[in-house]
Amino acid sequence: MSGQYEISGVVTTGDDERERGTADAAPLRIDGSRGTWEAIEELWLAGELTDDEFEDHFIDDVIVEDIGEGTDGRQFTGASYSVELR
């Protein structure tokens, strides 16, 4: 799945925690074309893709593949997120 994804919600990098996708902070933008979608697709086709499984694989297999681990890593510490395909 290629395209640019915009993630809105609380993103923490090191000591910097902010709400992304607001007037003060742009959403976290990633290009999903570098990601690995096989695990998500396998779970989907088997009817076993839960919200938690999707979140774990999307972060590890798609986001990290695009923007890297970062020097301090990134954590998604909020309660909910919006992900839009652009």
PDB file of N, CA and C in Angstrom:
ATOM      1  N   MET A   1       0.858  -1.172   0.000  1.00  0.00           N
ATOM      2  CA  MET A   1       0.000   0.000   0.000  1.00  0.00           C
ATOM      3  C   MET A   1       0.896   1.223   0.000  1.00  0.00           C
ATOM      4  N   SER A   2       0.832   1.955  -1.047  1.00  0.00           N
ATOM      5  CA  SER A   2       1.646   3.155  -1.071  1.00  0.00           C
ATOM      6  C   SER A   2       0.761   4.371  -0.872  1.00  0.00           C
ATOM      7  N   GLY A   3       1.385   5.446  -0.560  1.00  0.00           N
ATOM      8  CA  GLY A   3       0.675   6.681  -0.307  1.00  0.00           C
ATOM      9  C   GLY A   3       1.222   7.315   0.938  1.00  0.00           C
ATOM     10  N   GLN A   4       0.867   8.532   1.136  1.00  0.00           N
ATOM     11  CA  GLN A   4       1.318   9.230   2.333  1.00  0.00           C
ATOM     12  C   GLN A   4       0.255   9.126   3.406  1.00  0.00           C
ATOM     13  N   TYR A   5       0.680   8.737   4.594  1.00  0.00           N
ATOM     14  CA  TYR A   5      -0.208   8.623   5.734  1.00  0.00           C
ATOM     15  C   TYR A   5       0.056   9.783   6.668  1.00  0.00           C
ATOM     16  N   GLU A   6      -1.004  10.352   7.197  1.00  0.00           N
ATOM     17  CA  GLU A   6      -0.890  11.420   8.188  1.00  0.00           C
ATOM     18  C   GLU A   6      -1.499  10.910   9.485  1.00  0.00           C
ATOM     19  N   ILE A   7      -0.673  10.916  10.529  1.00  0.00           N
ATOM     20  CA  ILE A   7      -1.097  10.402  11.824  1.00  0.00           C
ATOM     21  C   ILE A   7      -1.269  11.568  12.788  1.00  0.00           C
ATOM     22  N   SER A   8      -2.460  11.681  13.335  1.00  0.00           N
ATOM     23  CA  SER A   8      -2.761  12.712  14.332  1.00  0.00           C
ATOM     24  C   SER A   8      -2.965  12.037  15.675  1.00  0.00           C
ATOM     25  N   GLY A   9      -2.402  12.627  16.709  1.00  0.00           N
ATOM     26  CA  GLY A   9      -2.503  12.094  18.052  1.00  0.00           C
ATOM     27  C   GLY A   9      -1.215  12.392  18.800  1.00  0.00           C
ATOM     28  N   VAL A  10      -1.115  11.920  20.021  1.00  0.00           N
ATOM     29  CA  VAL A  10       0.054  12.197  20.848  1.00  0.00           C
ATOM     30  C   VAL A  10       1.214  11.300  20.402  1.00  0.00           C
ATOM     31  N   VAL A  11       2.333  11.942  20.045  1.00  0.00           N
ATOM     32  CA  VAL A  11       3.554  11.227  19.658  1.00  0.00           C
ATOM     33  C   VAL A  11       4.673  11.717  20.561  1.00  0.00           C
ATOM     34  N   THR A  12       5.410  10.787  21.140  1.00  0.00           N
ATOM     35  CA  THR A  12       6.517  11.113  22.032  1.00  0.00           C
ATOM     36  C   THR A  12       7.823  10.679  21.390  1.00  0.00           C
ATOM     37  N   THR A  13       8.775  11.598  21.341  1.00  0.00           N
ATOM     38  CA  THR A  13      10.130  11.315  20.877  1.00  0.00           C
ATOM     39  C   THR A  13      11.077  11.837  21.949  1.00  0.00           C
ATOM     40  N   GLY A  14      11.719  10.929  22.670  1.00  0.00           N
ATOM     41  CA  GLY A  14      12.572  11.358  23.786  1.00  0.00           C
ATOM     42  C   GLY A  14      11.748  12.090  24.825  1.00  0.00           C
ATOM     43  N   ASP A  15      12.150  13.322  25.140  1.00  0.00           N
ATOM     44  CA  ASP A  15      11.428  14.145  26.115  1.00  0.00           C
ATOM     45  C   ASP A  15      10.334  14.993  25.471  1.00  0.00           C
ATOM     46  N   ASP A  16      10.221  14.934  24.160  1.00  0.00           N
ATOM     47  CA  ASP A  16       9.254  15.758  23.427  1.00  0.00           C
ATOM     48  C   ASP A  16       7.958  14.979  23.212  1.00  0.00           C
ATOM     49  N   GLU A  17       6.908  15.395  23.920  1.00  0.00           N
ATOM     50  CA  GLU A  17       5.590  14.792  23.736  1.00  0.00           C
ATOM     51  C   GLU A  17       4.659  15.875  23.246  1.00  0.00           C
ATOM     52  N   ARG A  18       4.022  15.632  22.097  1.00  0.00           N
ATOM     53  CA  ARG A  18       3.097  16.639  21.586  1.00  0.00           C
ATOM     54  C   ARG A  18       1.955  15.994  20.808  1.00  0.00           C
ATOM     55  N   GLU A  19       0.879  16.733  20.754  1.00  0.00           N
ATOM     56  CA  GLU A  19      -0.291  16.344  19.971  1.00  0.00           C
ATOM     57  C   GLU A  19      -0.006  16.712  18.526  1.00  0.00           C
ATOM     58  N   ARG A  20       0.073  15.726  17.654  1.00  0.00           N
ATOM     59  CA  ARG A  20       0.334  15.967  16.238  1.00  0.00           C
ATOM     60  C   ARG A  20      -0.996  16.137  15.507  1.00  0.00           C
ATOM     61  N   GLY A  21      -0.963  16.900  14.426  1.00  0.00           N
ATOM     62  CA  GLY A  21      -2.167  17.115  13.637  1.00  0.00           C
ATOM     63  C   GLY A  21      -3.033  18.229  14.178  1.00  0.00           C
ATOM     64  N   THR A  22      -2.398  19.248  14.770  1.00  0.00           N
ATOM     65  CA  THR A  22      -3.111  20.402  15.311  1.00  0.00           C
ATOM     66  C   THR A  22      -2.615  21.656  14.599  1.00  0.00           C
ATOM     67  N   ALA A  23      -3.157  22.795  14.968  1.00  0.00           N
ATOM     68  CA  ALA A  23      -2.701  24.062  14.389  1.00  0.00           C
ATOM     69  C   ALA A  23      -1.245  24.345  14.768  1.00  0.00           C
ATOM     70  N   ASP A  24      -0.785  23.781  15.902  1.00  0.00           N
ATOM     71  CA  ASP A  24       0.577  24.024  16.378  1.00  0.00           C
ATOM     72  C   ASP A  24       1.598  22.983  15.930  1.00  0.00           C
ATOM     73  N   ALA A  25       1.144  21.808  15.529  1.00  0.00           N
ATOM     74  CA  ALA A  25       2.065  20.735  15.138  1.00  0.00           C
ATOM     75  C   ALA A  25       1.455  19.923  14.001  1.00  0.00           C
ATOM     76  N   ALA A  26       2.196  19.825  12.928  1.00  0.00           N
ATOM     77  CA  ALA A  26       1.730  19.057  11.761  1.00  0.00           C
ATOM     78  C   ALA A  26       1.551  17.590  12.135  1.00  0.00           C
ATOM     79  N   PRO A  27       0.718  16.869  11.399  1.00  0.00           N
ATOM     80  CA  PRO A  27       0.614  15.439  11.665  1.00  0.00           C
ATOM     81  C   PRO A  27       1.940  14.754  11.342  1.00  0.00           C
ATOM     82  N   LEU A  28       2.154  13.584  11.902  1.00  0.00           N
ATOM     83  CA  LEU A  28       3.307  12.774  11.573  1.00  0.00           C
ATOM     84  C   LEU A  28       3.041  12.186  10.190  1.00  0.00           C
ATOM     85  N   ARG A  29       3.891  12.502   9.233  1.00  0.00           N
ATOM     86  CA  ARG A  29       3.683  12.042   7.862  1.00  0.00           C
ATOM     87  C   ARG A  29       4.666  10.925   7.535  1.00  0.00           C
ATOM     88  N   ILE A  30       4.122   9.838   7.002  1.00  0.00           N
ATOM     89  CA  ILE A  30       4.976   8.741   6.576  1.00  0.00           C
ATOM     90  C   ILE A  30       4.571   8.308   5.179  1.00  0.00           C
ATOM     91  N   ASP A  31       5.513   7.722   4.479  1.00  0.00           N
ATOM     92  CA  ASP A  31       5.281   7.184   3.149  1.00  0.00           C
ATOM     93  C   ASP A  31       5.254   5.669   3.288  1.00  0.00           C
ATOM     94  N   GLY A  32       4.105   5.077   3.187  1.00  0.00           N
ATOM     95  CA  GLY A  32       3.957   3.646   3.432  1.00  0.00           C
ATOM     96  C   GLY A  32       4.585   2.741   2.404  1.00  0.00           C
ATOM     97  N   SER A  33       5.166   3.288   1.345  1.00  0.00           N
ATOM     98  CA  SER A  33       5.711   2.433   0.293  1.00  0.00           C
ATOM     99  C   SER A  33       6.941   1.658   0.742  1.00  0.00           C
ATOM    100  N   ARG A  34       7.634   2.125   1.764  1.00  0.00           N
ATOM    101  CA  ARG A  34       8.813   1.399   2.259  1.00  0.00           C
ATOM    102  C   ARG A  34       8.441   0.365   3.301  1.00  0.00           C
ATOM    103  N   GLY A  35       7.206   0.370   3.715  1.00  0.00           N
ATOM    104  CA  GLY A  35       6.781  -0.535   4.771  1.00  0.00           C
ATOM    105  C   GLY A  35       6.605  -1.959   4.289  1.00  0.00           C
ATOM    106  N   THR A  36       6.525  -2.847   5.259  1.00  0.00           N
ATOM    107  CA  THR A  36       6.302  -4.262   5.011  1.00  0.00           C
ATOM    108  C   THR A  36       4.888  -4.591   5.462  1.00  0.00           C
ATOM    109  N   TRP A  37       4.031  -4.932   4.524  1.00  0.00           N
ATOM    110  CA  TRP A  37       2.614  -5.134   4.803  1.00  0.00           C
ATOM    111  C   TRP A  37       2.223  -6.613   4.910  1.00  0.00           C
ATOM    112  N   GLU A  38       3.162  -7.536   4.712  1.00  0.00           N
ATOM    113  CA  GLU A  38       2.832  -8.958   4.629  1.00  0.00           C
ATOM    114  C   GLU A  38       2.155  -9.487   5.893  1.00  0.00           C
ATOM    115  N   ALA A  39       2.681  -9.149   7.079  1.00  0.00           N
ATOM    116  CA  ALA A  39       2.093  -9.667   8.322  1.00  0.00           C
ATOM    117  C   ALA A  39       0.663  -9.162   8.512  1.00  0.00           C
ATOM    118  N   ILE A  40       0.426  -7.897   8.197  1.00  0.00           N
ATOM    119  CA  ILE A  40      -0.929  -7.332   8.305  1.00  0.00           C
ATOM    120  C   ILE A  40      -1.864  -8.047   7.341  1.00  0.00           C
ATOM    121  N   GLU A  41      -1.400  -8.231   6.118  1.00  0.00           N
ATOM    122  CA  GLU A  41      -2.233  -8.891   5.109  1.00  0.00           C
ATOM    123  C   GLU A  41      -2.543 -10.340   5.495  1.00  0.00           C
ATOM    124  N   GLU A  42      -1.553 -11.065   6.003  1.00  0.00           N
ATOM    125  CA  GLU A  42      -1.777 -12.458   6.410  1.00  0.00           C
ATOM    126  C   GLU A  42      -2.821 -12.553   7.525  1.00  0.00           C
ATOM    127  N   LEU A  43      -2.702 -11.677   8.518  1.00  0.00           N
ATOM    128  CA  LEU A  43      -3.682 -11.677   9.607  1.00  0.00           C
ATOM    129  C   LEU A  43      -5.067 -11.300   9.100  1.00  0.00           C
ATOM    130  N   TRP A  44      -5.135 -10.325   8.195  1.00  0.00           N
ATOM    131  CA  TRP A  44      -6.418  -9.897   7.623  1.00  0.00           C
ATOM    132  C   TRP A  44      -7.086 -11.054   6.880  1.00  0.00           C
ATOM    133  N   LEU A  45      -6.328 -11.713   6.019  1.00  0.00           N
ATOM    134  CA  LEU A  45      -6.884 -12.812   5.222  1.00  0.00           C
ATOM    135  C   LEU A  45      -7.311 -13.992   6.088  1.00  0.00           C
ATOM    136  N   ALA A  46      -6.629 -14.188   7.211  1.00  0.00           N
ATOM    137  CA  ALA A  46      -6.986 -15.272   8.130  1.00  0.00           C
ATOM    138  C   ALA A  46      -8.134 -14.883   9.058  1.00  0.00           C
ATOM    139  N   GLY A  47      -8.582 -13.612   8.980  1.00  0.00           N
ATOM    140  CA  GLY A  47      -9.648 -13.153   9.856  1.00  0.00           C
ATOM    141  C   GLY A  47      -9.194 -12.951  11.287  1.00  0.00           C
ATOM    142  N   GLU A  48      -7.881 -12.746  11.485  1.00  0.00           N
ATOM    143  CA  GLU A  48      -7.323 -12.641  12.827  1.00  0.00           C
ATOM    144  C   GLU A  48      -6.709 -11.280  13.124  1.00  0.00           C
ATOM    145  N   LEU A  49      -6.986 -10.302  12.296  1.00  0.00           N
ATOM    146  CA  LEU A  49      -6.389  -8.974  12.489  1.00  0.00           C
ATOM    147  C   LEU A  49      -7.213  -8.176  13.502  1.00  0.00           C
ATOM    148  N   THR A  50      -6.665  -8.007  14.684  1.00  0.00           N
ATOM    149  CA  THR A  50      -7.319  -7.216  15.724  1.00  0.00           C
ATOM    150  C   THR A  50      -6.766  -5.788  15.668  1.00  0.00           C
ATOM    151  N   ASP A  51      -7.415  -4.892  16.377  1.00  0.00           N
ATOM    152  CA  ASP A  51      -6.912  -3.516  16.448  1.00  0.00           C
ATOM    153  C   ASP A  51      -5.504  -3.476  17.024  1.00  0.00           C
ATOM    154  N   ASP A  52      -5.261  -4.256  18.068  1.00  0.00           N
ATOM    155  CA  ASP A  52      -3.934  -4.276  18.692  1.00  0.00           C
ATOM    156  C   ASP A  52      -2.876  -4.838  17.756  1.00  0.00           C
ATOM    157  N   GLU A  53      -3.197  -5.924  17.043  1.00  0.00           N
ATOM    158  CA  GLU A  53      -2.257  -6.498  16.088  1.00  0.00           C
ATOM    159  C   GLU A  53      -1.953  -5.507  14.967  1.00  0.00           C
ATOM    160  N   PHE A  54      -3.005  -4.845  14.462  1.00  0.00           N
ATOM    161  CA  PHE A  54      -2.792  -3.863  13.401  1.00  0.00           C
ATOM    162  C   PHE A  54      -1.877  -2.746  13.885  1.00  0.00           C
ATOM    163  N   GLU A  55      -2.159  -2.221  15.089  1.00  0.00           N
ATOM    164  CA  GLU A  55      -1.344  -1.131  15.631  1.00  0.00           C
ATOM    165  C   GLU A  55       0.114  -1.553  15.761  1.00  0.00           C
ATOM    166  N   ASP A  56       0.344  -2.719  16.346  1.00  0.00           N
ATOM    167  CA  ASP A  56       1.717  -3.194  16.526  1.00  0.00           C
ATOM    168  C   ASP A  56       2.446  -3.337  15.195  1.00  0.00           C
ATOM    169  N   HIS A  57       1.810  -3.973  14.233  1.00  0.00           N
ATOM    170  CA  HIS A  57       2.460  -4.191  12.929  1.00  0.00           C
ATOM    171  C   HIS A  57       2.590  -2.891  12.139  1.00  0.00           C
ATOM    172  N   PHE A  58       1.596  -2.017  12.216  1.00  0.00           N
ATOM    173  CA  PHE A  58       1.675  -0.752  11.489  1.00  0.00           C
ATOM    174  C   PHE A  58       2.850   0.074  12.009  1.00  0.00           C
ATOM    175  N   ILE A  59       3.017   0.122  13.319  1.00  0.00           N
ATOM    176  CA  ILE A  59       4.136   0.875  13.898  1.00  0.00           C
ATOM    177  C   ILE A  59       5.460   0.234  13.518  1.00  0.00           C
ATOM    178  N   ASP A  60       5.599  -1.067  13.779  1.00  0.00           N
ATOM    179  CA  ASP A  60       6.882  -1.741  13.575  1.00  0.00           C
ATOM    180  C   ASP A  60       7.222  -1.947  12.099  1.00  0.00           C
ATOM    181  N   ASP A  61       6.238  -2.335  11.302  1.00  0.00           N
ATOM    182  CA  ASP A  61       6.512  -2.747   9.925  1.00  0.00           C
ATOM    183  C   ASP A  61       6.343  -1.637   8.896  1.00  0.00           C
ATOM    184  N   VAL A  62       5.592  -0.596   9.220  1.00  0.00           N
ATOM    185  CA  VAL A  62       5.353   0.468   8.247  1.00  0.00           C
ATOM    186  C   VAL A  62       6.019   1.771   8.686  1.00  0.00           C
ATOM    187  N   ILE A  63       5.671   2.273   9.870  1.00  0.00           N
ATOM    188  CA  ILE A  63       6.211   3.559  10.325  1.00  0.00           C
ATOM    189  C   ILE A  63       7.721   3.485  10.512  1.00  0.00           C
ATOM    190  N   VAL A  64       8.190   2.500  11.260  1.00  0.00           N
ATOM    191  CA  VAL A  64       9.629   2.396  11.536  1.00  0.00           C
ATOM    192  C   VAL A  64      10.406   2.190  10.239  1.00  0.00           C
ATOM    193  N   GLU A  65       9.857   1.431   9.308  1.00  0.00           N
ATOM    194  CA  GLU A  65      10.535   1.231   8.025  1.00  0.00           C
ATOM    195  C   GLU A  65      10.669   2.538   7.257  1.00  0.00           C
ATOM    196  N   ASP A  66       9.735   3.465   7.457  1.00  0.00           N
ATOM    197  CA  ASP A  66       9.770   4.734   6.724  1.00  0.00           C
ATOM    198  C   ASP A  66      10.634   5.777   7.416  1.00  0.00           C
ATOM    199  N   ILE A  67      10.412   5.988   8.700  1.00  0.00           N
ATOM    200  CA  ILE A  67      11.101   7.093   9.370  1.00  0.00           C
ATOM    201  C   ILE A  67      12.199   6.634  10.305  1.00  0.00           C
ATOM    202  N   GLY A  68      12.379   5.332  10.463  1.00  0.00           N
ATOM    203  CA  GLY A  68      13.448   4.815  11.306  1.00  0.00           C
ATOM    204  C   GLY A  68      13.086   4.865  12.777  1.00  0.00           C
ATOM    205  N   GLU A  69      13.935   4.261  13.546  1.00  0.00           N
ATOM    206  CA  GLU A  69      13.734   4.205  14.993  1.00  0.00           C
ATOM    207  C   GLU A  69      13.940   5.571  15.623  1.00  0.00           C
ATOM    208  N   GLY A  70      14.783   6.417  15.010  1.00  0.00           N
ATOM    209  CA  GLY A  70      15.091   7.712  15.603  1.00  0.00           C
ATOM    210  C   GLY A  70      16.089   7.527  16.732  1.00  0.00           C
ATOM    211  N   THR A  71      16.754   8.580  17.097  1.00  0.00           N
ATOM    212  CA  THR A  71      17.757   8.466  18.147  1.00  0.00           C
ATOM    213  C   THR A  71      17.111   8.176  19.496  1.00  0.00           C
ATOM    214  N   ASP A  72      15.924   8.709  19.721  1.00  0.00           N
ATOM    215  CA  ASP A  72      15.223   8.468  20.982  1.00  0.00           C
ATOM    216  C   ASP A  72      14.018   7.554  20.799  1.00  0.00           C
ATOM    217  N   GLY A  73      13.776   7.099  19.595  1.00  0.00           N
ATOM    218  CA  GLY A  73      12.605   6.275  19.325  1.00  0.00           C
ATOM    219  C   GLY A  73      11.335   7.110  19.330  1.00  0.00           C
ATOM    220  N   ARG A  74      10.271   6.525  18.901  1.00  0.00           N
ATOM    221  CA  ARG A  74       8.973   7.191  18.904  1.00  0.00           C
ATOM    222  C   ARG A  74       7.991   6.303  19.630  1.00  0.00           C
ATOM    223  N   GLN A  75       7.164   6.926  20.429  1.00  0.00           N
ATOM    224  CA  GLN A  75       6.136   6.187  21.130  1.00  0.00           C
ATOM    225  C   GLN A  75       4.804   6.865  20.866  1.00  0.00           C
ATOM    226  N   PHE A  76       3.788   6.067  20.772  1.00  0.00           N
ATOM    227  CA  PHE A  76       2.434   6.569  20.558  1.00  0.00           C
ATOM    228  C   PHE A  76       1.714   6.413  21.890  1.00  0.00           C
ATOM    229  N   THR A  77       1.778   7.483  22.686  1.00  0.00           N
ATOM    230  CA  THR A  77       1.361   7.419  24.083  1.00  0.00           C
ATOM    231  C   THR A  77      -0.060   7.919  24.319  1.00  0.00           C
ATOM    232  N   GLY A  78      -0.761   8.287  23.279  1.00  0.00           N
ATOM    233  CA  GLY A  78      -2.121   8.794  23.437  1.00  0.00           C
ATOM    234  C   GLY A  78      -3.151   7.685  23.501  1.00  0.00           C
ATOM    235  N   ALA A  79      -4.376   8.076  23.741  1.00  0.00           N
ATOM    236  CA  ALA A  79      -5.470   7.116  23.860  1.00  0.00           C
ATOM    237  C   ALA A  79      -6.085   6.767  22.509  1.00  0.00           C
ATOM    238  N   SER A  80      -6.016   7.682  21.527  1.00  0.00           N
ATOM    239  CA  SER A  80      -6.591   7.406  20.218  1.00  0.00           C
ATOM    240  C   SER A  80      -5.850   8.191  19.149  1.00  0.00           C
ATOM    241  N   TYR A  81      -5.964   7.703  17.927  1.00  0.00           N
ATOM    242  CA  TYR A  81      -5.250   8.300  16.789  1.00  0.00           C
ATOM    243  C   TYR A  81      -6.140   8.316  15.575  1.00  0.00           C
ATOM    244  N   SER A  82      -5.798   9.227  14.681  1.00  0.00           N
ATOM    245  CA  SER A  82      -6.435   9.288  13.376  1.00  0.00           C
ATOM    246  C   SER A  82      -5.348   9.041  12.352  1.00  0.00           C
ATOM    247  N   VAL A  83      -5.577   8.116  11.424  1.00  0.00           N
ATOM    248  CA  VAL A  83      -4.630   7.838  10.347  1.00  0.00           C
ATOM    249  C   VAL A  83      -5.374   8.050   9.049  1.00  0.00           C
ATOM    250  N   GLU A  84      -4.859   8.975   8.229  1.00  0.00           N
ATOM    251  CA  GLU A  84      -5.487   9.285   6.946  1.00  0.00           C
ATOM    252  C   GLU A  84      -4.521   8.993   5.824  1.00  0.00           C
ATOM    253  N   LEU A  85      -5.029   8.392   4.768  1.00  0.00           N
ATOM    254  CA  LEU A  85      -4.268   8.146   3.554  1.00  0.00           C
ATOM    255  C   LEU A  85      -4.451   9.345   2.643  1.00  0.00           C
ATOM    256  N   ARG A  86      -3.349   9.948   2.233  1.00  0.00           N
ATOM    257  CA  ARG A  86      -3.407  11.119   1.345  1.00  0.00           C
ATOM    258  C   ARG A  86      -2.982  10.759  -0.033  1.00  0.00           C
TER     259      ARG A  86
END
